[in-house]
C-alpha cells in the first residue's frame, strides 16, 4: 500500500501528468490527442506516460497504429481513501485544539 501511494503521489507531482489524468477522466484518448496541448517533444511526453503507467494510473492498448490510453481508477481510489483517513485524523486534532483554546480563553477571562 505504501509503495502504491508513493508511486501515485510521485506521478501526480508533475503538472503535465496531472493534466493527462484530468483529460482522461473524460474518457480514453489516443496518445497524439493527449500530447497535443503540451508544448514538449513527443519522446518527453511519452516518458510522462511511462511514469503514469508504472504507477498504475493509466494503461494503454494498441489499436492498429494508434495507442489508446485509459485511466485506472484503483490508484485514485486508494489515494482518496488514504487522504480521507488522514483528513479525519487532522480534523479531530484541530477540533480538540479549538476546544482547548476556547477553554483557555474562558479561564483567562475568569482571572
PDB file of N, CA and C in Angstrom:
ATOM      1  N   UNK A   1       0.822  -1.199   0.000  1.00  0.00           N
ATOM      2  CA  UNK A   1       0.000   0.000   0.000  1.00  0.00           C
ATOM      3  C   UNK A   1       0.865   1.261   0.000  1.00  0.00           C
ATOM      4  N   UNK A   2       1.891   1.309   0.880  1.00  0.00           N
ATOM      5  CA  UNK A   2       2.742   2.496   0.950  1.00  0.00           C
ATOM      6  C   UNK A   2       3.456   2.724  -0.372  1.00  0.00           C
ATOM      7  N   UNK A   3       3.960   1.659  -0.989  1.00  0.00           N
ATOM      8  CA  UNK A   3       4.648   1.790  -2.268  1.00  0.00           C
ATOM      9  C   UNK A   3       3.699   2.308  -3.348  1.00  0.00           C
ATOM     10  N   UNK A   4       2.455   1.831  -3.328  1.00  0.00           N
ATOM     11  CA  UNK A   4       1.459   2.288  -4.298  1.00  0.00           C
ATOM     12  C   UNK A   4       1.176   3.777  -4.104  1.00  0.00           C
ATOM     13  N   UNK A   5       1.053   4.206  -2.845  1.00  0.00           N
ATOM     14  CA  UNK A   5       0.818   5.626  -2.577  1.00  0.00           C
ATOM     15  C   UNK A   5       2.013   6.472  -2.978  1.00  0.00           C
ATOM     16  N   UNK A   6       3.224   5.985  -2.686  1.00  0.00           N
ATOM     17  CA  UNK A   6       4.431   6.716  -3.087  1.00  0.00           C
ATOM     18  C   UNK A   6       4.447   6.915  -4.596  1.00  0.00           C
ATOM     19  N   UNK A   7       4.151   5.844  -5.316  1.00  0.00           N
ATOM     20  CA  UNK A   7       4.133   5.891  -6.770  1.00  0.00           C
ATOM     21  C   UNK A   7       3.047   6.847  -7.268  1.00  0.00           C
ATOM     22  N   UNK A   8       1.877   6.805  -6.650  1.00  0.00           N
ATOM     23  CA  UNK A   8       0.774   7.690  -7.028  1.00  0.00           C
ATOM     24  C   UNK A   8       1.171   9.156  -6.855  1.00  0.00           C
ATOM     25  N   UNK A   9       1.652   9.509  -5.652  1.00  0.00           N
ATOM     26  CA  UNK A   9       1.975  10.909  -5.388  1.00  0.00           C
ATOM     27  C   UNK A   9       3.158  11.387  -6.219  1.00  0.00           C
ATOM     28  N   UNK A  10       4.130  10.519  -6.480  1.00  0.00           N
ATOM     29  CA  UNK A  10       5.253  10.894  -7.344  1.00  0.00           C
ATOM     30  C   UNK A  10       4.758  11.172  -8.759  1.00  0.00           C
ATOM     31  N   UNK A  11       3.872  10.324  -9.245  1.00  0.00           N
ATOM     32  CA  UNK A  11       3.330  10.531 -10.595  1.00  0.00           C
ATOM     33  C   UNK A  11       2.506  11.805 -10.669  1.00  0.00           C
ATOM     34  N   UNK A  12       1.723  12.071  -9.645  1.00  0.00           N
ATOM     35  CA  UNK A  12       0.833  13.234  -9.662  1.00  0.00           C
ATOM     36  C   UNK A  12       1.552  14.542  -9.312  1.00  0.00           C
ATOM     37  N   UNK A  13       2.829  14.465  -8.991  1.00  0.00           N
ATOM     38  CA  UNK A  13       3.580  15.671  -8.628  1.00  0.00           C
ATOM     39  C   UNK A  13       3.881  16.554  -9.838  1.00  0.00           C
ATOM     40  N   UNK A  14       3.726  16.017 -11.023  1.00  0.00           N
ATOM     41  CA  UNK A  14       4.063  16.769 -12.230  1.00  0.00           C
ATOM     42  C   UNK A  14       2.806  17.340 -12.892  1.00  0.00           C
ATOM     43  N   UNK A  15       2.819  18.616 -13.267  1.00  0.00           N
ATOM     44  CA  UNK A  15       1.625  19.226 -13.862  1.00  0.00           C
ATOM     45  C   UNK A  15       1.210  18.601 -15.210  1.00  0.00           C
ATOM     46  N   UNK A  16       2.168  18.158 -15.990  1.00  0.00           N
ATOM     47  CA  UNK A  16       1.826  17.510 -17.264  1.00  0.00           C
ATOM     48  C   UNK A  16       1.065  16.219 -17.004  1.00  0.00           C
ATOM     49  N   UNK A  17       1.544  15.434 -16.059  1.00  0.00           N
ATOM     50  CA  UNK A  17       0.873  14.170 -15.751  1.00  0.00           C
ATOM     51  C   UNK A  17      -0.498  14.411 -15.131  1.00  0.00           C
ATOM     52  N   UNK A  18      -0.619  15.442 -14.293  1.00  0.00           N
ATOM     53  CA  UNK A  18      -1.946  15.769 -13.737  1.00  0.00           C
ATOM     54  C   UNK A  18      -2.908  16.169 -14.848  1.00  0.00           C
ATOM     55  N   UNK A  19      -2.416  16.922 -15.826  1.00  0.00           N
ATOM     56  CA  UNK A  19      -3.264  17.338 -16.956  1.00  0.00           C
ATOM     57  C   UNK A  19      -3.716  16.122 -17.764  1.00  0.00           C
ATOM     58  N   UNK A  20      -2.842  15.148 -17.940  1.00  0.00           N
ATOM     59  CA  UNK A  20      -3.214  13.930 -18.670  1.00  0.00           C
ATOM     60  C   UNK A  20      -4.312  13.189 -17.905  1.00  0.00           C
ATOM     61  N   UNK A  21      -4.137  13.042 -16.602  1.00  0.00           N
ATOM     62  CA  UNK A  21      -5.156  12.368 -15.782  1.00  0.00           C
ATOM     63  C   UNK A  21      -6.475  13.129 -15.862  1.00  0.00           C
ATOM     64  N   UNK A  22      -6.414  14.435 -15.763  1.00  0.00           N
ATOM     65  CA  UNK A  22      -7.629  15.260 -15.853  1.00  0.00           C
ATOM     66  C   UNK A  22      -8.334  15.024 -17.192  1.00  0.00           C
ATOM     67  N   UNK A  23      -7.575  15.002 -18.271  1.00  0.00           N
ATOM     68  CA  UNK A  23      -8.174  14.762 -19.588  1.00  0.00           C
ATOM     69  C   UNK A  23      -8.793  13.375 -19.674  1.00  0.00           C
ATOM     70  N   UNK A  24      -8.119  12.383 -19.099  1.00  0.00           N
ATOM     71  CA  UNK A  24      -8.605  11.010 -19.188  1.00  0.00           C
ATOM     72  C   UNK A  24      -9.854  10.756 -18.343  1.00  0.00           C
ATOM     73  N   UNK A  25     -10.184  11.659 -17.427  1.00  0.00           N
ATOM     74  CA  UNK A  25     -11.439  11.499 -16.686  1.00  0.00           C
ATOM     75  C   UNK A  25     -12.631  11.633 -17.625  1.00  0.00           C
ATOM     76  N   UNK A  26     -12.413  12.237 -18.776  1.00  0.00           N
ATOM     77  CA  UNK A  26     -13.467  12.363 -19.779  1.00  0.00           C
ATOM     78  C   UNK A  26     -13.554  11.172 -20.716  1.00  0.00           C
ATOM     79  N   UNK A  27     -12.655  10.217 -20.570  1.00  0.00           N
ATOM     80  CA  UNK A  27     -12.667   9.020 -21.404  1.00  0.00           C
ATOM     81  C   UNK A  27     -11.312   8.751 -22.021  1.00  0.00           C
ATOM     82  N   UNK A  28     -11.130   7.550 -22.559  1.00  0.00           N
ATOM     83  CA  UNK A  28      -9.865   7.173 -23.186  1.00  0.00           C
ATOM     84  C   UNK A  28      -9.521   8.108 -24.348  1.00  0.00           C
ATOM     85  N   UNK A  29      -8.219   8.198 -24.626  1.00  0.00           N
ATOM     86  CA  UNK A  29      -7.777   9.070 -25.713  1.00  0.00           C
ATOM     87  C   UNK A  29      -6.504   8.518 -26.340  1.00  0.00           C
ATOM     88  N   UNK A  30      -6.308   8.795 -27.621  1.00  0.00           N
ATOM     89  CA  UNK A  30      -5.054   8.399 -28.264  1.00  0.00           C
ATOM     90  C   UNK A  30      -3.901   9.276 -27.759  1.00  0.00           C
ATOM     91  N   UNK A  31      -2.716   8.714 -27.790  1.00  0.00           N
ATOM     92  CA  UNK A  31      -1.530   9.432 -27.312  1.00  0.00           C
ATOM     93  C   UNK A  31      -1.387  10.778 -28.010  1.00  0.00           C
ATOM     94  N   UNK A  32      -1.598  10.822 -29.301  1.00  0.00           N
ATOM     95  CA  UNK A  32      -1.410  12.067 -30.048  1.00  0.00           C
ATOM     96  C   UNK A  32      -2.356  13.160 -29.550  1.00  0.00           C
ATOM     97  N   UNK A  33      -3.567  12.788 -29.172  1.00  0.00           N
ATOM     98  CA  UNK A  33      -4.518  13.764 -28.625  1.00  0.00           C
ATOM     99  C   UNK A  33      -4.079  14.237 -27.244  1.00  0.00           C
ATOM    100  N   UNK A  34      -3.577  13.319 -26.436  1.00  0.00           N
ATOM    101  CA  UNK A  34      -3.106  13.689 -25.101  1.00  0.00           C
ATOM    102  C   UNK A  34      -1.885  14.596 -25.187  1.00  0.00           C
ATOM    103  N   UNK A  35      -1.037  14.361 -26.181  1.00  0.00           N
ATOM    104  CA  UNK A  35       0.194  15.138 -26.339  1.00  0.00           C
ATOM    105  C   UNK A  35      -0.079  16.548 -26.871  1.00  0.00           C
ATOM    106  N   UNK A  36      -1.104  16.704 -27.702  1.00  0.00           N
ATOM    107  CA  UNK A  36      -1.353  17.952 -28.437  1.00  0.00           C
ATOM    108  C   UNK A  36      -1.312  19.234 -27.589  1.00  0.00           C
ATOM    109  N   UNK A  37      -1.949  19.284 -26.414  1.00  0.00           N
ATOM    110  CA  UNK A  37      -1.943  20.560 -25.688  1.00  0.00           C
ATOM    111  C   UNK A  37      -0.633  20.882 -24.956  1.00  0.00           C
ATOM    112  N   UNK A  38       0.330  19.977 -25.010  1.00  0.00           N
ATOM    113  CA  UNK A  38       1.573  20.180 -24.259  1.00  0.00           C
ATOM    114  C   UNK A  38       2.706  20.611 -25.185  1.00  0.00           C
ATOM    115  N   UNK A  39       3.400  21.638 -24.776  1.00  0.00           N
ATOM    116  CA  UNK A  39       4.485  22.190 -25.584  1.00  0.00           C
ATOM    117  C   UNK A  39       5.803  21.489 -25.225  1.00  0.00           C
ATOM    118  N   UNK A  40       5.811  20.169 -25.397  1.00  0.00           N
ATOM    119  CA  UNK A  40       7.016  19.382 -25.147  1.00  0.00           C
ATOM    120  C   UNK A  40       7.168  18.368 -26.291  1.00  0.00           C
ATOM    121  N   UNK A  41       8.374  17.898 -26.472  1.00  0.00           N
ATOM    122  CA  UNK A  41       8.631  16.914 -27.526  1.00  0.00           C
ATOM    123  C   UNK A  41       7.893  15.618 -27.202  1.00  0.00           C
ATOM    124  N   UNK A  42       7.495  14.907 -28.242  1.00  0.00           N
ATOM    125  CA  UNK A  42       6.765  13.653 -28.059  1.00  0.00           C
ATOM    126  C   UNK A  42       7.540  12.648 -27.206  1.00  0.00           C
ATOM    127  N   UNK A  43       8.854  12.453 -27.421  1.00  0.00           N
ATOM    128  CA  UNK A  43       9.573  11.499 -26.558  1.00  0.00           C
ATOM    129  C   UNK A  43       9.522  11.880 -25.073  1.00  0.00           C
ATOM    130  N   UNK A  44       9.576  13.165 -24.793  1.00  0.00           N
ATOM    131  CA  UNK A  44       9.453  13.624 -23.400  1.00  0.00           C
ATOM    132  C   UNK A  44       8.066  13.315 -22.871  1.00  0.00           C
ATOM    133  N   UNK A  45       7.050  13.569 -23.677  1.00  0.00           N
ATOM    134  CA  UNK A  45       5.676  13.277 -23.271  1.00  0.00           C
ATOM    135  C   UNK A  45       5.492  11.782 -23.028  1.00  0.00           C
ATOM    136  N   UNK A  46       6.086  10.963 -23.875  1.00  0.00           N
ATOM    137  CA  UNK A  46       5.974   9.513 -23.705  1.00  0.00           C
ATOM    138  C   UNK A  46       6.603   9.053 -22.388  1.00  0.00           C
ATOM    139  N   UNK A  47       7.648   9.740 -21.947  1.00  0.00           N
ATOM    140  CA  UNK A  47       8.235   9.411 -20.630  1.00  0.00           C
ATOM    141  C   UNK A  47       7.229   9.699 -19.518  1.00  0.00           C
ATOM    142  N   UNK A  48       6.466  10.774 -19.668  1.00  0.00           N
ATOM    143  CA  UNK A  48       5.412  11.070 -18.687  1.00  0.00           C
ATOM    144  C   UNK A  48       4.375   9.946 -18.669  1.00  0.00           C
ATOM    145  N   UNK A  49       3.989   9.476 -19.843  1.00  0.00           N
ATOM    146  CA  UNK A  49       3.022   8.377 -19.899  1.00  0.00           C
ATOM    147  C   UNK A  49       3.584   7.108 -19.257  1.00  0.00           C
ATOM    148  N   UNK A  50       4.880   6.863 -19.439  1.00  0.00           N
ATOM    149  CA  UNK A  50       5.503   5.688 -18.817  1.00  0.00           C
ATOM    150  C   UNK A  50       5.438   5.777 -17.297  1.00  0.00           C
ATOM    151  N   UNK A  51       5.648   6.961 -16.754  1.00  0.00           N
ATOM    152  CA  UNK A  51       5.547   7.152 -15.299  1.00  0.00           C
ATOM    153  C   UNK A  51       4.123   6.862 -14.837  1.00  0.00           C
ATOM    154  N   UNK A  52       3.142   7.372 -15.583  1.00  0.00           N
ATOM    155  CA  UNK A  52       1.744   7.129 -15.226  1.00  0.00           C
ATOM    156  C   UNK A  52       1.399   5.647 -15.318  1.00  0.00           C
ATOM    157  N   UNK A  53       1.920   4.965 -16.327  1.00  0.00           N
ATOM    158  CA  UNK A  53       1.664   3.528 -16.459  1.00  0.00           C
ATOM    159  C   UNK A  53       2.345   2.748 -15.338  1.00  0.00           C
ATOM    160  N   UNK A  54       3.581   3.112 -15.015  1.00  0.00           N
ATOM    161  CA  UNK A  54       4.310   2.416 -13.954  1.00  0.00           C
ATOM    162  C   UNK A  54       3.613   2.576 -12.604  1.00  0.00           C
ATOM    163  N   UNK A  55       2.950   3.694 -12.411  1.00  0.00           N
ATOM    164  CA  UNK A  55       2.246   3.929 -11.149  1.00  0.00           C
ATOM    165  C   UNK A  55       0.883   3.248 -11.127  1.00  0.00           C
ATOM    166  N   UNK A  56       0.452   2.730 -12.272  1.00  0.00           N
ATOM    167  CA  UNK A  56      -0.850   2.076 -12.359  1.00  0.00           C
ATOM    168  C   UNK A  56      -2.000   3.024 -12.618  1.00  0.00           C
ATOM    169  N   UNK A  57      -1.709   4.300 -12.817  1.00  0.00           N
ATOM    170  CA  UNK A  57      -2.768   5.289 -13.032  1.00  0.00           C
ATOM    171  C   UNK A  57      -3.404   5.204 -14.410  1.00  0.00           C
ATOM    172  N   UNK A  58      -2.637   4.745 -15.381  1.00  0.00           N
ATOM    173  CA  UNK A  58      -3.173   4.583 -16.725  1.00  0.00           C
ATOM    174  C   UNK A  58      -2.702   3.249 -17.295  1.00  0.00           C
ATOM    175  N   UNK A  59      -3.421   2.811 -18.311  1.00  0.00           N
ATOM    176  CA  UNK A  59      -2.989   1.665 -19.112  1.00  0.00           C
ATOM    177  C   UNK A  59      -3.210   2.051 -20.558  1.00  0.00           C
ATOM    178  N   UNK A  60      -2.451   1.437 -21.429  1.00  0.00           N
ATOM    179  CA  UNK A  60      -2.628   1.740 -22.844  1.00  0.00           C
ATOM    180  C   UNK A  60      -2.776   0.450 -23.625  1.00  0.00           C
ATOM    181  N   UNK A  61      -3.436   0.585 -24.749  1.00  0.00           N
ATOM    182  CA  UNK A  61      -3.611  -0.555 -25.654  1.00  0.00           C
ATOM    183  C   UNK A  61      -3.436  -0.058 -27.068  1.00  0.00           C
ATOM    184  N   UNK A  62      -2.882  -0.919 -27.882  1.00  0.00           N
ATOM    185  CA  UNK A  62      -2.656  -0.550 -29.277  1.00  0.00           C
ATOM    186  C   UNK A  62      -3.818  -1.046 -30.121  1.00  0.00           C
ATOM    187  N   UNK A  63      -4.404  -0.127 -30.876  1.00  0.00           N
ATOM    188  CA  UNK A  63      -5.476  -0.453 -31.821  1.00  0.00           C
ATOM    189  C   UNK A  63      -4.979  -0.040 -33.195  1.00  0.00           C
ATOM    190  N   UNK A  64      -4.530  -1.018 -33.947  1.00  0.00           N
ATOM    191  CA  UNK A  64      -3.924  -0.707 -35.238  1.00  0.00           C
ATOM    192  C   UNK A  64      -2.629   0.038 -35.009  1.00  0.00           C
ATOM    193  N   UNK A  65      -2.548   1.237 -35.565  1.00  0.00           N
ATOM    194  CA  UNK A  65      -1.335   2.052 -35.408  1.00  0.00           C
ATOM    195  C   UNK A  65      -1.488   3.094 -34.303  1.00  0.00           C
ATOM    196  N   UNK A  66      -2.606   3.073 -33.605  1.00  0.00           N
ATOM    197  CA  UNK A  66      -2.897   4.092 -32.587  1.00  0.00           C
ATOM    198  C   UNK A  66      -2.836   3.468 -31.197  1.00  0.00           C
ATOM    199  N   UNK A  67      -2.156   4.156 -30.286  1.00  0.00           N
ATOM    200  CA  UNK A  67      -2.110   3.719 -28.897  1.00  0.00           C
ATOM    201  C   UNK A  67      -3.141   4.531 -28.117  1.00  0.00           C
ATOM    202  N   UNK A  68      -4.095   3.826 -27.504  1.00  0.00           N
ATOM    203  CA  UNK A  68      -5.171   4.460 -26.734  1.00  0.00           C
ATOM    204  C   UNK A  68      -4.830   4.328 -25.248  1.00  0.00           C
ATOM    205  N   UNK A  69      -4.984   5.426 -24.526  1.00  0.00           N
ATOM    206  CA  UNK A  69      -4.666   5.461 -23.094  1.00  0.00           C
ATOM    207  C   UNK A  69      -5.965   5.539 -22.301  1.00  0.00           C
ATOM    208  N   UNK A  70      -6.054   4.723 -21.256  1.00  0.00           N
ATOM    209  CA  UNK A  70      -7.222   4.658 -20.379  1.00  0.00           C
ATOM    210  C   UNK A  70      -6.792   4.974 -18.950  1.00  0.00           C
ATOM    211  N   UNK A  71      -7.660   5.605 -18.204  1.00  0.00           N
ATOM    212  CA  UNK A  71      -7.392   5.860 -16.784  1.00  0.00           C
ATOM    213  C   UNK A  71      -7.738   4.600 -15.992  1.00  0.00           C
ATOM    214  N   UNK A  72      -7.027   4.388 -14.909  1.00  0.00           N
ATOM    215  CA  UNK A  72      -7.306   3.282 -13.999  1.00  0.00           C
ATOM    216  C   UNK A  72      -7.745   3.869 -12.656  1.00  0.00           C
ATOM    217  N   UNK A  73      -8.897   3.468 -12.194  1.00  0.00           N
ATOM    218  CA  UNK A  73      -9.489   4.084 -11.005  1.00  0.00           C
ATOM    219  C   UNK A  73      -8.892   3.599  -9.687  1.00  0.00           C
ATOM    220  N   UNK A  74      -8.369   2.397  -9.632  1.00  0.00           N
ATOM    221  CA  UNK A  74      -7.925   1.823  -8.354  1.00  0.00           C
ATOM    222  C   UNK A  74      -6.890   2.682  -7.622  1.00  0.00           C
ATOM    223  N   UNK A  75      -5.828   3.160  -8.273  1.00  0.00           N
ATOM    224  CA  UNK A  75      -4.876   4.004  -7.547  1.00  0.00           C
ATOM    225  C   UNK A  75      -5.485   5.318  -7.058  1.00  0.00           C
ATOM    226  N   UNK A  76      -6.407   5.877  -7.849  1.00  0.00           N
ATOM    227  CA  UNK A  76      -7.078   7.104  -7.426  1.00  0.00           C
ATOM    228  C   UNK A  76      -7.936   6.853  -6.190  1.00  0.00           C
ATOM    229  N   UNK A  77      -8.625   5.734  -6.173  1.00  0.00           N
ATOM    230  CA  UNK A  77      -9.465   5.387  -5.022  1.00  0.00           C
ATOM    231  C   UNK A  77      -8.609   5.135  -3.793  1.00  0.00           C
ATOM    232  N   UNK A  78      -7.484   4.458  -3.962  1.00  0.00           N
ATOM    233  CA  UNK A  78      -6.593   4.188  -2.823  1.00  0.00           C
ATOM    234  C   UNK A  78      -6.059   5.492  -2.233  1.00  0.00           C
ATOM    235  N   UNK A  79      -5.675   6.419  -3.088  1.00  0.00           N
ATOM    236  CA  UNK A  79      -5.181   7.715  -2.606  1.00  0.00           C
ATOM    237  C   UNK A  79      -6.292   8.487  -1.910  1.00  0.00           C
ATOM    238  N   UNK A  80      -7.492   8.462  -2.475  1.00  0.00           N
ATOM    239  CA  UNK A  80      -8.630   9.148  -1.852  1.00  0.00           C
ATOM    240  C   UNK A  80      -8.928   8.562  -0.478  1.00  0.00           C
ATOM    241  N   UNK A  81      -8.874   7.250  -0.352  1.00  0.00           N
ATOM    242  CA  UNK A  81      -9.102   6.615   0.954  1.00  0.00           C
ATOM    243  C   UNK A  81      -8.047   7.048   1.960  1.00  0.00           C
ATOM    244  N   UNK A  82      -6.797   7.079   1.536  1.00  0.00           N
ATOM    245  CA  UNK A  82      -5.712   7.492   2.429  1.00  0.00           C
ATOM    246  C   UNK A  82      -5.903   8.950   2.858  1.00  0.00           C
ATOM    247  N   UNK A  83      -6.190   9.817   1.886  1.00  0.00           N
ATOM    248  CA  UNK A  83      -6.404  11.232   2.189  1.00  0.00           C
ATOM    249  C   UNK A  83      -7.605  11.429   3.112  1.00  0.00           C
ATOM    250  N   UNK A  84      -8.666  10.685   2.887  1.00  0.00           N
ATOM    251  CA  UNK A  84      -9.863  10.786   3.711  1.00  0.00           C
ATOM    252  C   UNK A  84      -9.574  10.394   5.158  1.00  0.00           C
ATOM    253  N   UNK A  85      -8.843   9.292   5.333  1.00  0.00           N
ATOM    254  CA  UNK A  85      -8.493   8.862   6.704  1.00  0.00           C
ATOM    255  C   UNK A  85      -7.663   9.926   7.408  1.00  0.00           C
ATOM    256  N   UNK A  86      -6.689  10.484   6.703  1.00  0.00           N
ATOM    257  CA  UNK A  86      -5.823  11.490   7.321  1.00  0.00           C
ATOM    258  C   UNK A  86      -6.554  12.815   7.535  1.00  0.00           C
ATOM    259  N   UNK A  87      -7.479  13.133   6.658  1.00  0.00           N
ATOM    260  CA  UNK A  87      -8.286  14.340   6.850  1.00  0.00           C
ATOM    261  C   UNK A  87      -9.083  14.222   8.145  1.00  0.00           C
ATOM    262  N   UNK A  88      -9.688  13.068   8.394  1.00  0.00           N
ATOM    263  CA  UNK A  88     -10.466  12.850   9.620  1.00  0.00           C
ATOM    264  C   UNK A  88      -9.585  12.972  10.854  1.00  0.00           C
ATOM    265  N   UNK A  89      -8.392  12.405  10.792  1.00  0.00           N
ATOM    266  CA  UNK A  89      -7.456  12.488  11.924  1.00  0.00           C
ATOM    267  C   UNK A  89      -7.129  13.942  12.227  1.00  0.00           C
ATOM    268  N   UNK A  90      -6.767  14.708  11.189  1.00  0.00           N
ATOM    269  CA  UNK A  90      -6.371  16.095  11.406  1.00  0.00           C
ATOM    270  C   UNK A  90      -7.550  16.979  11.782  1.00  0.00           C
ATOM    271  N   UNK A  91      -8.727  16.713  11.249  1.00  0.00           N
ATOM    272  CA  UNK A  91      -9.896  17.490  11.656  1.00  0.00           C
ATOM    273  C   UNK A  91     -10.208  17.261  13.125  1.00  0.00           C
ATOM    274  N   UNK A  92     -10.074  16.023  13.592  1.00  0.00           N
ATOM    275  CA  UNK A  92     -10.307  15.729  15.009  1.00  0.00           C
ATOM    276  C   UNK A  92      -9.283  16.445  15.875  1.00  0.00           C
ATOM    277  N   UNK A  93      -8.031  16.455  15.454  1.00  0.00           N
ATOM    278  CA  UNK A  93      -6.982  17.147  16.215  1.00  0.00           C
ATOM    279  C   UNK A  93      -7.238  18.649  16.263  1.00  0.00           C
ATOM    280  N   UNK A  94      -7.661  19.211  15.146  1.00  0.00           N
ATOM    281  CA  UNK A  94      -7.949  20.644  15.099  1.00  0.00           C
ATOM    282  C   UNK A  94      -9.150  20.971  15.980  1.00  0.00           C
ATOM    283  N   UNK A  95     -10.162  20.109  15.976  1.00  0.00           N
ATOM    284  CA  UNK A  95     -11.322  20.318  16.840  1.00  0.00           C
ATOM    285  C   UNK A  95     -10.906  20.300  18.311  1.00  0.00           C
ATOM    286  N   UNK A  96     -10.042  19.344  18.676  1.00  0.00           N
ATOM    287  CA  UNK A  96      -9.570  19.286  20.075  1.00  0.00           C
ATOM    288  C   UNK A  96      -8.755  20.520  20.425  1.00  0.00           C
ATOM    289  N   UNK A  97      -7.939  20.989  19.488  1.00  0.00           N
ATOM    290  CA  UNK A  97      -7.143  22.190  19.721  1.00  0.00           C
ATOM    291  C   UNK A  97      -8.046  23.411  19.883  1.00  0.00           C
ATOM    292  N   UNK A  98      -9.088  23.505  19.079  1.00  0.00           N
ATOM    293  CA  UNK A  98     -10.031  24.626  19.186  1.00  0.00           C
ATOM    294  C   UNK A  98     -10.743  24.589  20.528  1.00  0.00           C
ATOM    295  N   UNK A  99     -11.134  23.392  20.977  1.00  0.00           N
ATOM    296  CA  UNK A  99     -11.782  23.253  22.281  1.00  0.00           C
ATOM    297  C   UNK A  99     -10.837  23.688  23.392  1.00  0.00           C
ATOM    298  N   UNK A 100      -9.586  23.268  23.312  1.00  0.00           N
ATOM    299  CA  UNK A 100      -8.595  23.663  24.314  1.00  0.00           C
ATOM    300  C   UNK A 100      -8.396  25.174  24.312  1.00  0.00           C
ATOM    301  N   UNK A 101      -8.319  25.777  23.128  1.00  0.00           N
ATOM    302  CA  UNK A 101      -8.133  27.227  23.039  1.00  0.00           C
ATOM    303  C   UNK A 101      -9.329  27.966  23.640  1.00  0.00           C
ATOM    304  N   UNK A 102     -10.527  27.471  23.373  1.00  0.00           N
ATOM    305  CA  UNK A 102     -11.717  28.086  23.965  1.00  0.00           C
ATOM    306  C   UNK A 102     -11.686  27.961  25.482  1.00  0.00           C
ATOM    307  N   UNK A 103     -11.299  26.796  25.984  1.00  0.00           N
ATOM    308  CA  UNK A 103     -11.217  26.578  27.425  1.00  0.00           C
ATOM    309  C   UNK A 103     -10.200  27.523  28.050  1.00  0.00           C
ATOM    310  N   UNK A 104      -9.032  27.635  27.434  1.00  0.00           N
ATOM    311  CA  UNK A 104      -8.006  28.526  27.959  1.00  0.00           C
ATOM    312  C   UNK A 104      -8.463  29.969  27.926  1.00  0.00           C
ATOM    313  N   UNK A 105      -9.182  30.363  26.891  1.00  0.00           N
ATOM    314  CA  UNK A 105      -9.696  31.721  26.781  1.00  0.00           C
ATOM    315  C   UNK A 105     -10.712  31.983  27.896  1.00  0.00           C
ATOM    316  N   UNK A 106     -11.581  31.014  28.154  1.00  0.00           N
ATOM    317  CA  UNK A 106     -12.586  31.145  29.204  1.00  0.00           C
ATOM    318  C   UNK A 106     -11.928  31.274  30.582  1.00  0.00           C
ATOM    319  N   UNK A 107     -10.906  30.471  30.828  1.00  0.00           N
ATOM    320  CA  UNK A 107     -10.241  30.527  32.133  1.00  0.00           C
ATOM    321  C   UNK A 107      -9.450  31.810  32.287  1.00  0.00           C
ATOM    322  N   UNK A 108      -8.917  32.372  31.208  1.00  0.00           N
ATOM    323  CA  UNK A 108      -8.184  33.638  31.317  1.00  0.00           C
ATOM    324  C   UNK A 108      -9.150  34.789  31.514  1.00  0.00           C
ATOM    325  N   UNK A 109     -10.366  34.671  30.997  1.00  0.00           N
ATOM    326  CA  UNK A 109     -11.382  35.706  31.201  1.00  0.00           C
ATOM    327  C   UNK A 109     -11.859  35.726  32.651  1.00  0.00           C
ATOM    328  N   UNK A 110     -11.785  34.583  33.329  1.00  0.00           N
ATOM    329  CA  UNK A 110     -12.222  34.486  34.711  1.00  0.00           C
ATOM    330  C   UNK A 110     -11.236  35.159  35.661  1.00  0.00           C
ATOM    331  N   UNK A 111      -9.997  35.374  35.212  1.00  0.00           N
ATOM    332  CA  UNK A 111      -8.970  35.991  36.084  1.00  0.00           C
ATOM    333  C   UNK A 111      -9.165  37.432  36.285  1.00  0.00           C
TER     334      UNK A 111
END
